[in-house]
PDB file of N, CA and C in Angstrom:
ATOM      1  N   MET A   1      21.905  10.254   4.513  1.00  0.00           N
ATOM      2  CA  MET A   1      20.514  10.213   4.126  1.00  0.00           C
ATOM      3  C   MET A   1      19.647  10.326   5.396  1.00  0.00           C
ATOM      4  N   ARG A   2      18.646  11.159   5.348  1.00  0.00           N
ATOM      5  CA  ARG A   2      17.745  11.370   6.482  1.00  0.00           C
ATOM      6  C   ARG A   2      16.606  10.355   6.439  1.00  0.00           C
ATOM      7  N   LYS A   3      16.370   9.699   7.535  1.00  0.00           N
ATOM      8  CA  LYS A   3      15.286   8.723   7.622  1.00  0.00           C
ATOM      9  C   LYS A   3      13.968   9.446   7.898  1.00  0.00           C
ATOM     10  N   THR A   4      12.985   9.210   7.073  1.00  0.00           N
ATOM     11  CA  THR A   4      11.678   9.827   7.233  1.00  0.00           C
ATOM     12  C   THR A   4      10.856   9.043   8.253  1.00  0.00           C
ATOM     13  N   ASP A   5      10.140   9.750   9.099  1.00  0.00           N
ATOM     14  CA  ASP A   5       9.243   9.130  10.069  1.00  0.00           C
ATOM     15  C   ASP A   5       7.851   9.045   9.426  1.00  0.00           C
ATOM     16  N   TYR A   6       7.416   7.835   9.148  1.00  0.00           N
ATOM     17  CA  TYR A   6       6.151   7.632   8.456  1.00  0.00           C
ATOM     18  C   TYR A   6       4.969   7.412   9.401  1.00  0.00           C
ATOM     19  N   ARG A   7       5.166   7.560  10.712  1.00  0.00           N
ATOM     20  CA  ARG A   7       4.073   7.311  11.653  1.00  0.00           C
ATOM     21  C   ARG A   7       2.895   8.260  11.455  1.00  0.00           C
ATOM     22  N   GLN A   8       3.174   9.537  11.190  1.00  0.00           N
ATOM     23  CA  GLN A   8       2.077  10.504  10.951  1.00  0.00           C
ATOM     24  C   GLN A   8       1.350  10.166   9.647  1.00  0.00           C
ATOM     25  N   SER A   9       2.105   9.757   8.647  1.00  0.00           N
ATOM     26  CA  SER A   9       1.496   9.352   7.373  1.00  0.00           C
ATOM     27  C   SER A   9       0.604   8.135   7.581  1.00  0.00           C
ATOM     28  N   LEU A  10       1.073   7.188   8.392  1.00  0.00           N
ATOM     29  CA  LEU A  10       0.271   5.993   8.683  1.00  0.00           C
ATOM     30  C   LEU A  10      -1.028   6.380   9.382  1.00  0.00           C
ATOM     31  N   LEU A  11      -0.952   7.276  10.338  1.00  0.00           N
ATOM     32  CA  LEU A  11      -2.146   7.720  11.054  1.00  0.00           C
ATOM     33  C   LEU A  11      -3.150   8.371  10.097  1.00  0.00           C
ATOM     34  N   ALA A  12      -2.682   9.253   9.220  1.00  0.00           N
ATOM     35  CA  ALA A  12      -3.569   9.903   8.247  1.00  0.00           C
ATOM     36  C   ALA A  12      -4.150   8.886   7.268  1.00  0.00           C
ATOM     37  N   PHE A  13      -3.334   7.935   6.841  1.00  0.00           N
ATOM     38  CA  PHE A  13      -3.770   6.880   5.922  1.00  0.00           C
ATOM     39  C   PHE A  13      -4.875   6.045   6.563  1.00  0.00           C
ATOM     40  N   VAL A  14      -4.654   5.576   7.779  1.00  0.00           N
ATOM     41  CA  VAL A  14      -5.641   4.753   8.483  1.00  0.00           C
ATOM     42  C   VAL A  14      -6.926   5.541   8.707  1.00  0.00           C
ATOM     43  N   THR A  15      -6.816   6.795   9.064  1.00  0.00           N
ATOM     44  CA  THR A  15      -7.999   7.634   9.270  1.00  0.00           C
ATOM     45  C   THR A  15      -8.821   7.733   7.988  1.00  0.00           C
ATOM     46  N   GLU A  16      -8.149   7.938   6.852  1.00  0.00           N
ATOM     47  CA  GLU A  16      -8.875   8.034   5.582  1.00  0.00           C
ATOM     48  C   GLU A  16      -9.507   6.694   5.196  1.00  0.00           C
ATOM     49  N   ILE A  17      -8.805   5.602   5.426  1.00  0.00           N
ATOM     50  CA  ILE A  17      -9.348   4.277   5.110  1.00  0.00           C
ATOM     51  C   ILE A  17     -10.565   3.985   5.981  1.00  0.00           C
ATOM     52  N   GLU A  18     -10.490   4.304   7.262  1.00  0.00           N
ATOM     53  CA  GLU A  18     -11.634   4.080   8.162  1.00  0.00           C
ATOM     54  C   GLU A  18     -12.844   4.892   7.719  1.00  0.00           C
ATOM     55  N   ALA A  19     -12.613   6.096   7.211  1.00  0.00           N
ATOM     56  CA  ALA A  19     -13.713   6.956   6.759  1.00  0.00           C
ATOM     57  C   ALA A  19     -14.439   6.366   5.548  1.00  0.00           C
ATOM     58  N   LEU A  20     -13.767   5.523   4.790  1.00  0.00           N
ATOM     59  CA  LEU A  20     -14.403   4.880   3.626  1.00  0.00           C
ATOM     60  C   LEU A  20     -15.472   3.887   4.056  1.00  0.00           C
ATOM     61  N   GLN A  21     -15.390   3.377   5.264  1.00  0.00           N
ATOM     62  CA  GLN A  21     -16.338   2.412   5.823  1.00  0.00           C
ATOM     63  C   GLN A  21     -16.574   1.234   4.875  1.00  0.00           C
ATOM     64  N   SER A  22     -15.498   0.738   4.296  1.00  0.00           N
ATOM     65  CA  SER A  22     -15.578  -0.409   3.389  1.00  0.00           C
ATOM     66  C   SER A  22     -15.351  -1.694   4.168  1.00  0.00           C
ATOM     67  N   LEU A  23     -16.168  -2.699   3.901  1.00  0.00           N
ATOM     68  CA  LEU A  23     -16.014  -3.993   4.553  1.00  0.00           C
ATOM     69  C   LEU A  23     -14.743  -4.714   4.100  1.00  0.00           C
ATOM     70  N   ALA A  24     -14.134  -4.248   3.018  1.00  0.00           N
ATOM     71  CA  ALA A  24     -12.910  -4.872   2.510  1.00  0.00           C
ATOM     72  C   ALA A  24     -11.707  -4.558   3.393  1.00  0.00           C
ATOM     73  N   PHE A  25     -11.775  -3.473   4.128  1.00  0.00           N
ATOM     74  CA  PHE A  25     -10.643  -3.035   4.929  1.00  0.00           C
ATOM     75  C   PHE A  25     -10.922  -3.333   6.407  1.00  0.00           C
ATOM     76  N   VAL A  26     -10.342  -4.420   6.876  1.00  0.00           N
ATOM     77  CA  VAL A  26     -10.610  -4.938   8.213  1.00  0.00           C
ATOM     78  C   VAL A  26      -9.556  -4.450   9.204  1.00  0.00           C
ATOM     79  N   LYS A  27      -9.996  -3.874  10.296  1.00  0.00           N
ATOM     80  CA  LYS A  27      -9.137  -3.435  11.404  1.00  0.00           C
ATOM     81  C   LYS A  27      -7.922  -2.624  10.958  1.00  0.00           C
ATOM     82  N   PRO A  28      -8.125  -1.546  10.223  1.00  0.00           N
ATOM     83  CA  PRO A  28      -6.975  -0.739   9.797  1.00  0.00           C
ATOM     84  C   PRO A  28      -6.180  -0.162  10.965  1.00  0.00           C
ATOM     85  N   ASP A  29      -6.782  -0.061  12.136  1.00  0.00           N
ATOM     86  CA  ASP A  29      -6.046   0.435  13.302  1.00  0.00           C
ATOM     87  C   ASP A  29      -4.955  -0.545  13.753  1.00  0.00           C
ATOM     88  N   GLN A  30      -4.974  -1.769  13.205  1.00  0.00           N
ATOM     89  CA  GLN A  30      -3.957  -2.763  13.543  1.00  0.00           C
ATOM     90  C   GLN A  30      -2.895  -2.914  12.448  1.00  0.00           C
ATOM     91  N   TRP A  31      -3.014  -2.145  11.376  1.00  0.00           N
ATOM     92  CA  TRP A  31      -1.995  -2.171  10.335  1.00  0.00           C
ATOM     93  C   TRP A  31      -0.748  -1.480  10.881  1.00  0.00           C
ATOM     94  N   PHE A  32       0.426  -1.880  10.392  1.00  0.00           N
ATOM     95  CA  PHE A  32       1.648  -1.294  10.928  1.00  0.00           C
ATOM     96  C   PHE A  32       2.715  -1.144   9.856  1.00  0.00           C
ATOM     97  N   LEU A  33       3.683  -0.295  10.144  1.00  0.00           N
ATOM     98  CA  LEU A  33       4.777  -0.040   9.215  1.00  0.00           C
ATOM     99  C   LEU A  33       5.738  -1.222   9.186  1.00  0.00           C
ATOM    100  N   SER A  34       6.229  -1.523   8.011  1.00  0.00           N
ATOM    101  CA  SER A  34       7.211  -2.590   7.824  1.00  0.00           C
ATOM    102  C   SER A  34       8.566  -2.142   8.355  1.00  0.00           C
ATOM    103  N   THR A  35       9.357  -3.095   8.771  1.00  0.00           N
ATOM    104  CA  THR A  35      10.732  -2.788   9.168  1.00  0.00           C
ATOM    105  C   THR A  35      11.698  -2.997   8.010  1.00  0.00           C
ATOM    106  N   GLU A  36      11.224  -3.613   6.927  1.00  0.00           N
ATOM    107  CA  GLU A  36      12.076  -3.907   5.775  1.00  0.00           C
ATOM    108  C   GLU A  36      11.975  -2.846   4.680  1.00  0.00           C
ATOM    109  N   ILE A  37      10.768  -2.395   4.392  1.00  0.00           N
ATOM    110  CA  ILE A  37      10.545  -1.353   3.394  1.00  0.00           C
ATOM    111  C   ILE A  37      10.026  -0.148   4.166  1.00  0.00           C
ATOM    112  N   LEU A  38      10.799   0.924   4.194  1.00  0.00           N
ATOM    113  CA  LEU A  38      10.534   2.040   5.106  1.00  0.00           C
ATOM    114  C   LEU A  38       9.126   2.607   5.054  1.00  0.00           C
ATOM    115  N   ASN A  39       8.541   2.713   3.872  1.00  0.00           N
ATOM    116  CA  ASN A  39       7.214   3.323   3.785  1.00  0.00           C
ATOM    117  C   ASN A  39       6.123   2.307   3.445  1.00  0.00           C
ATOM    118  N   ALA A  40       6.387   1.029   3.708  1.00  0.00           N
ATOM    119  CA  ALA A  40       5.384  -0.011   3.467  1.00  0.00           C
ATOM    120  C   ALA A  40       4.519  -0.194   4.706  1.00  0.00           C
ATOM    121  N   VAL A  41       3.231  -0.414   4.467  1.00  0.00           N
ATOM    122  CA  VAL A  41       2.279  -0.686   5.537  1.00  0.00           C
ATOM    123  C   VAL A  41       1.819  -2.128   5.371  1.00  0.00           C
ATOM    124  N   LEU A  42       2.027  -2.934   6.397  1.00  0.00           N
ATOM    125  CA  LEU A  42       1.642  -4.339   6.353  1.00  0.00           C
ATOM    126  C   LEU A  42       0.184  -4.471   6.780  1.00  0.00           C
ATOM    127  N   ILE A  43      -0.618  -4.990   5.858  1.00  0.00           N
ATOM    128  CA  ILE A  43      -2.058  -5.098   6.076  1.00  0.00           C
ATOM    129  C   ILE A  43      -2.397  -6.367   6.865  1.00  0.00           C
ATOM    130  N   GLY A  44      -1.710  -7.462   6.583  1.00  0.00           N
ATOM    131  CA  GLY A  44      -1.891  -8.687   7.351  1.00  0.00           C
ATOM    132  C   GLY A  44      -2.898  -9.674   6.794  1.00  0.00           C
ATOM    133  N   TYR A  45      -3.575  -9.340   5.719  1.00  0.00           N
ATOM    134  CA  TYR A  45      -4.535 -10.252   5.091  1.00  0.00           C
ATOM    135  C   TYR A  45      -4.668  -9.874   3.620  1.00  0.00           C
ATOM    136  N   GLU A  46      -5.220 -10.799   2.849  1.00  0.00           N
ATOM    137  CA  GLU A  46      -5.422 -10.560   1.423  1.00  0.00           C
ATOM    138  C   GLU A  46      -6.730  -9.801   1.199  1.00  0.00           C
ATOM    139  N   ILE A  47      -6.718  -8.896   0.264  1.00  0.00           N
ATOM    140  CA  ILE A  47      -7.929  -8.196  -0.166  1.00  0.00           C
ATOM    141  C   ILE A  47      -8.352  -8.844  -1.478  1.00  0.00           C
ATOM    142  N   LYS A  48      -9.516  -9.451  -1.482  1.00  0.00           N
ATOM    143  CA  LYS A  48      -9.946 -10.280  -2.605  1.00  0.00           C
ATOM    144  C   LYS A  48     -10.244  -9.509  -3.885  1.00  0.00           C
ATOM    145  N   SER A  49     -10.841  -8.363  -3.765  1.00  0.00           N
ATOM    146  CA  SER A  49     -11.225  -7.572  -4.934  1.00  0.00           C
ATOM    147  C   SER A  49     -10.063  -6.693  -5.395  1.00  0.00           C
ATOM    148  N   PHE A  50      -9.732  -6.786  -6.679  1.00  0.00           N
ATOM    149  CA  PHE A  50      -8.655  -5.933  -7.199  1.00  0.00           C
ATOM    150  C   PHE A  50      -9.063  -4.466  -7.141  1.00  0.00           C
ATOM    151  N   ALA A  51     -10.346  -4.178  -7.318  1.00  0.00           N
ATOM    152  CA  ALA A  51     -10.814  -2.783  -7.229  1.00  0.00           C
ATOM    153  C   ALA A  51     -10.575  -2.234  -5.821  1.00  0.00           C
ATOM    154  N   ASP A  52     -10.864  -3.032  -4.790  1.00  0.00           N
ATOM    155  CA  ASP A  52     -10.606  -2.600  -3.411  1.00  0.00           C
ATOM    156  C   ASP A  52      -9.110  -2.477  -3.160  1.00  0.00           C
ATOM    157  N   ARG A  53      -8.333  -3.422  -3.698  1.00  0.00           N
ATOM    158  CA  ARG A  53      -6.876  -3.383  -3.517  1.00  0.00           C
ATOM    159  C   ARG A  53      -6.297  -2.140  -4.178  1.00  0.00           C
ATOM    160  N   LYS A  54      -6.831  -1.815  -5.365  1.00  0.00           N
ATOM    161  CA  LYS A  54      -6.373  -0.630  -6.090  1.00  0.00           C
ATOM    162  C   LYS A  54      -6.732   0.641  -5.314  1.00  0.00           C
ATOM    163  N   ARG A  55      -7.914   0.699  -4.747  1.00  0.00           N
ATOM    164  CA  ARG A  55      -8.344   1.858  -3.946  1.00  0.00           C
ATOM    165  C   ARG A  55      -7.419   2.038  -2.738  1.00  0.00           C
ATOM    166  N   LEU A  56      -7.106   0.942  -2.066  1.00  0.00           N
ATOM    167  CA  LEU A  56      -6.188   0.984  -0.938  1.00  0.00           C
ATOM    168  C   LEU A  56      -4.830   1.529  -1.370  1.00  0.00           C
ATOM    169  N   HIS A  57      -4.363   1.067  -2.508  1.00  0.00           N
ATOM    170  CA  HIS A  57      -3.072   1.500  -3.047  1.00  0.00           C
ATOM    171  C   HIS A  57      -3.087   3.003  -3.354  1.00  0.00           C
ATOM    172  N   GLU A  58      -4.171   3.484  -3.953  1.00  0.00           N
ATOM    173  CA  GLU A  58      -4.280   4.904  -4.301  1.00  0.00           C
ATOM    174  C   GLU A  58      -4.267   5.787  -3.052  1.00  0.00           C
ATOM    175  N   VAL A  59      -4.984   5.374  -2.021  1.00  0.00           N
ATOM    176  CA  VAL A  59      -4.992   6.148  -0.775  1.00  0.00           C
ATOM    177  C   VAL A  59      -3.597   6.098  -0.144  1.00  0.00           C
ATOM    178  N   GLY A  60      -2.974   4.950  -0.169  1.00  0.00           N
ATOM    179  CA  GLY A  60      -1.621   4.831   0.365  1.00  0.00           C
ATOM    180  C   GLY A  60      -0.640   5.744  -0.350  1.00  0.00           C
ATOM    181  N   ARG A  61      -0.685   5.763  -1.678  1.00  0.00           N
ATOM    182  CA  ARG A  61       0.206   6.630  -2.457  1.00  0.00           C
ATOM    183  C   ARG A  61       0.009   8.095  -2.092  1.00  0.00           C
ATOM    184  N   LYS A  62      -1.221   8.469  -1.869  1.00  0.00           N
ATOM    185  CA  LYS A  62      -1.538   9.854  -1.491  1.00  0.00           C
ATOM    186  C   LYS A  62      -0.794  10.252  -0.214  1.00  0.00           C
ATOM    187  N   HIS A  63      -0.571   9.277   0.662  1.00  0.00           N
ATOM    188  CA  HIS A  63       0.099   9.534   1.947  1.00  0.00           C
ATOM    189  C   HIS A  63       1.573   9.117   1.922  1.00  0.00           C
ATOM    190  N   GLY A  64       2.077   8.766   0.741  1.00  0.00           N
ATOM    191  CA  GLY A  64       3.479   8.376   0.613  1.00  0.00           C
ATOM    192  C   GLY A  64       3.777   6.988   1.141  1.00  0.00           C
ATOM    193  N   LEU A  65       2.751   6.129   1.182  1.00  0.00           N
ATOM    194  CA  LEU A  65       2.886   4.786   1.741  1.00  0.00           C
ATOM    195  C   LEU A  65       2.577   3.713   0.696  1.00  0.00           C
ATOM    196  N   ILE A  66       3.092   2.520   0.947  1.00  0.00           N
ATOM    197  CA  ILE A  66       2.853   1.379   0.067  1.00  0.00           C
ATOM    198  C   ILE A  66       2.134   0.302   0.883  1.00  0.00           C
ATOM    199  N   PRO A  67       0.811   0.175   0.747  1.00  0.00           N
ATOM    200  CA  PRO A  67       0.106  -0.893   1.452  1.00  0.00           C
ATOM    201  C   PRO A  67       0.485  -2.245   0.844  1.00  0.00           C
ATOM    202  N   VAL A  68       0.825  -3.204   1.699  1.00  0.00           N
ATOM    203  CA  VAL A  68       1.279  -4.506   1.221  1.00  0.00           C
ATOM    204  C   VAL A  68       0.488  -5.611   1.913  1.00  0.00           C
ATOM    205  N   CYS A  69      -0.148  -6.455   1.105  1.00  0.00           N
ATOM    206  CA  CYS A  69      -0.827  -7.647   1.605  1.00  0.00           C
ATOM    207  C   CYS A  69       0.183  -8.798   1.619  1.00  0.00           C
ATOM    208  N   PRO A  70      -0.107  -9.902   2.331  1.00  0.00           N
ATOM    209  CA  PRO A  70       0.872 -10.990   2.456  1.00  0.00           C
ATOM    210  C   PRO A  70       1.408 -11.561   1.138  1.00  0.00           C
ATOM    211  N   SER A  71       0.601 -11.641   0.096  1.00  0.00           N
ATOM    212  CA  SER A  71       1.066 -12.209  -1.174  1.00  0.00           C
ATOM    213  C   SER A  71       1.695 -11.178  -2.107  1.00  0.00           C
ATOM    214  N   ASP A  72       1.689  -9.921  -1.719  1.00  0.00           N
ATOM    215  CA  ASP A  72       2.237  -8.854  -2.563  1.00  0.00           C
ATOM    216  C   ASP A  72       3.763  -8.854  -2.524  1.00  0.00           C
ATOM    217  N   VAL A  73       4.346  -8.395  -3.630  1.00  0.00           N
ATOM    218  CA  VAL A  73       5.793  -8.255  -3.728  1.00  0.00           C
ATOM    219  C   VAL A  73       6.087  -6.883  -4.309  1.00  0.00           C
ATOM    220  N   VAL A  74       6.959  -6.117  -3.660  1.00  0.00           N
ATOM    221  CA  VAL A  74       7.415  -4.851  -4.223  1.00  0.00           C
ATOM    222  C   VAL A  74       8.536  -5.204  -5.189  1.00  0.00           C
ATOM    223  N   ASP A  75       8.415  -4.726  -6.433  1.00  0.00           N
ATOM    224  CA  ASP A  75       9.292  -5.193  -7.498  1.00  0.00           C
ATOM    225  C   ASP A  75       9.576  -4.061  -8.477  1.00  0.00           C
ATOM    226  N   ILE A  76      10.390  -4.356  -9.457  1.00  0.00           N
ATOM    227  CA  ILE A  76      10.663  -3.442 -10.569  1.00  0.00           C
ATOM    228  C   ILE A  76      10.147  -4.115 -11.827  1.00  0.00           C
ATOM    229  N   ASP A  77       9.482  -3.347 -12.667  1.00  0.00           N
ATOM    230  CA  ASP A  77       8.939  -3.883 -13.914  1.00  0.00           C
ATOM    231  C   ASP A  77       9.105  -2.837 -15.008  1.00  0.00           C
ATOM    232  N   THR A  78       8.891  -3.254 -16.235  1.00  0.00           N
ATOM    233  CA  THR A  78       8.942  -2.344 -17.366  1.00  0.00           C
ATOM    234  C   THR A  78       7.518  -2.014 -17.794  1.00  0.00           C
ATOM    235  N   ILE A  79       7.199  -0.728 -17.784  1.00  0.00           N
ATOM    236  CA  ILE A  79       5.892  -0.262 -18.235  1.00  0.00           C
ATOM    237  C   ILE A  79       6.138   0.826 -19.274  1.00  0.00           C
ATOM    238  N   ASN A  80       5.604   0.635 -20.453  1.00  0.00           N
ATOM    239  CA  ASN A  80       5.782   1.571 -21.569  1.00  0.00           C
ATOM    240  C   ASN A  80       7.260   1.873 -21.820  1.00  0.00           C
ATOM    241  N   GLY A  81       8.101   0.847 -21.707  1.00  0.00           N
ATOM    242  CA  GLY A  81       9.524   0.997 -21.982  1.00  0.00           C
ATOM    243  C   GLY A  81      10.349   1.609 -20.870  1.00  0.00           C
ATOM    244  N   SER A  82       9.738   1.912 -19.736  1.00  0.00           N
ATOM    245  CA  SER A  82      10.466   2.508 -18.610  1.00  0.00           C
ATOM    246  C   SER A  82      10.457   1.554 -17.420  1.00  0.00           C
ATOM    247  N   MET A  83      11.571   1.546 -16.685  1.00  0.00           N
ATOM    248  CA  MET A  83      11.649   0.749 -15.460  1.00  0.00           C
ATOM    249  C   MET A  83      10.929   1.514 -14.345  1.00  0.00           C
ATOM    250  N   VAL A  84       9.972   0.866 -13.695  1.00  0.00           N
ATOM    251  CA  VAL A  84       9.205   1.496 -12.622  1.00  0.00           C
ATOM    252  C   VAL A  84       9.074   0.526 -11.454  1.00  0.00           C
ATOM    253  N   THR A  85       8.885   1.065 -10.266  1.00  0.00           N
ATOM    254  CA  THR A  85       8.613   0.229  -9.109  1.00  0.00           C
ATOM    255  C   THR A  85       7.117  -0.051  -9.037  1.00  0.00           C
ATOM    256  N   VAL A  86       6.798  -1.282  -8.685  1.00  0.00           N
ATOM    257  CA  VAL A  86       5.406  -1.724  -8.655  1.00  0.00           C
ATOM    258  C   VAL A  86       5.166  -2.596  -7.437  1.00  0.00           C
ATOM    259  N   VAL A  87       3.905  -2.762  -7.119  1.00  0.00           N
ATOM    260  CA  VAL A  87       3.481  -3.791  -6.183  1.00  0.00           C
ATOM    261  C   VAL A  87       2.850  -4.867  -7.059  1.00  0.00           C
ATOM    262  N   ARG A  88       3.429  -6.049  -7.003  1.00  0.00           N
ATOM    263  CA  ARG A  88       2.921  -7.188  -7.776  1.00  0.00           C
ATOM    264  C   ARG A  88       1.955  -7.945  -6.863  1.00  0.00           C
ATOM    265  N   THR A  89       0.663  -7.918  -7.201  1.00  0.00           N
ATOM    266  CA  THR A  89      -0.363  -8.602  -6.417  1.00  0.00           C
ATOM    267  C   THR A  89      -0.787  -9.862  -7.174  1.00  0.00           C
ATOM    268  N   PRO A  90      -1.494 -10.772  -6.521  1.00  0.00           N
ATOM    269  CA  PRO A  90      -1.978 -11.959  -7.231  1.00  0.00           C
ATOM    270  C   PRO A  90      -2.927 -11.608  -8.385  1.00  0.00           C
ATOM    271  N   ARG A  91      -3.488 -10.411  -8.382  1.00  0.00           N
ATOM    272  CA  ARG A  91      -4.472 -10.025  -9.404  1.00  0.00           C
ATOM    273  C   ARG A  91      -3.961  -8.977 -10.397  1.00  0.00           C
ATOM    274  N   GLY A  92      -2.734  -8.494 -10.212  1.00  0.00           N
ATOM    275  CA  GLY A  92      -2.198  -7.517 -11.162  1.00  0.00           C
ATOM    276  C   GLY A  92      -1.166  -6.598 -10.525  1.00  0.00           C
ATOM    277  N   LEU A  93      -0.632  -5.705 -11.361  1.00  0.00           N
ATOM    278  CA  LEU A  93       0.392  -4.765 -10.921  1.00  0.00           C
ATOM    279  C   LEU A  93      -0.216  -3.433 -10.507  1.00  0.00           C
ATOM    280  N   LEU A  94       0.383  -2.815  -9.499  1.00  0.00           N
ATOM    281  CA  LEU A  94       0.014  -1.467  -9.075  1.00  0.00           C
ATOM    282  C   LEU A  94       1.295  -0.641  -9.063  1.00  0.00           C
ATOM    283  N   GLN A  95       1.339   0.384  -9.882  1.00  0.00           N
ATOM    284  CA  GLN A  95       2.525   1.214  -9.963  1.00  0.00           C
ATOM    285  C   GLN A  95       2.666   2.068  -8.708  1.00  0.00           C
ATOM    286  N   ILE A  96       3.887   2.114  -8.167  1.00  0.00           N
ATOM    287  CA  ILE A  96       4.112   2.864  -6.926  1.00  0.00           C
ATOM    288  C   ILE A  96       4.192   4.356  -7.182  1.00  0.00           C
ATOM    289  N   ALA A  97       4.965   4.761  -8.158  1.00  0.00           N
ATOM    290  CA  ALA A  97       5.070   6.195  -8.475  1.00  0.00           C
ATOM    291  C   ALA A  97       4.769   6.383  -9.960  1.00  0.00           C
ATOM    292  N   PRO A  98       4.085   7.479 -10.294  1.00  0.00           N
ATOM    293  CA  PRO A  98       3.747   7.716 -11.703  1.00  0.00           C
ATOM    294  C   PRO A  98       4.974   8.009 -12.560  1.00  0.00           C
TER     295      PRO A  98
END
């Protein structure tokens, strides 16, 4: 299996997040790739608004990344009778792949 280098994806992701100029996204230049989940980006703090968390997740998916806040858990769940991977946040589920 070939290991994908997600550093370019992280750079593009951070650039797009910075362009949003949202106060919800603090110091994205300090976010970093996880060593446990290959395409996870560790944010380092909780995002209080589920709408902001969902927006972050959508931008991350666009770049092939999974933004993860400290209380988030990457998990498997059943949605519409199918097993799917999700990010379980304190405020709800975010599906990783459609």
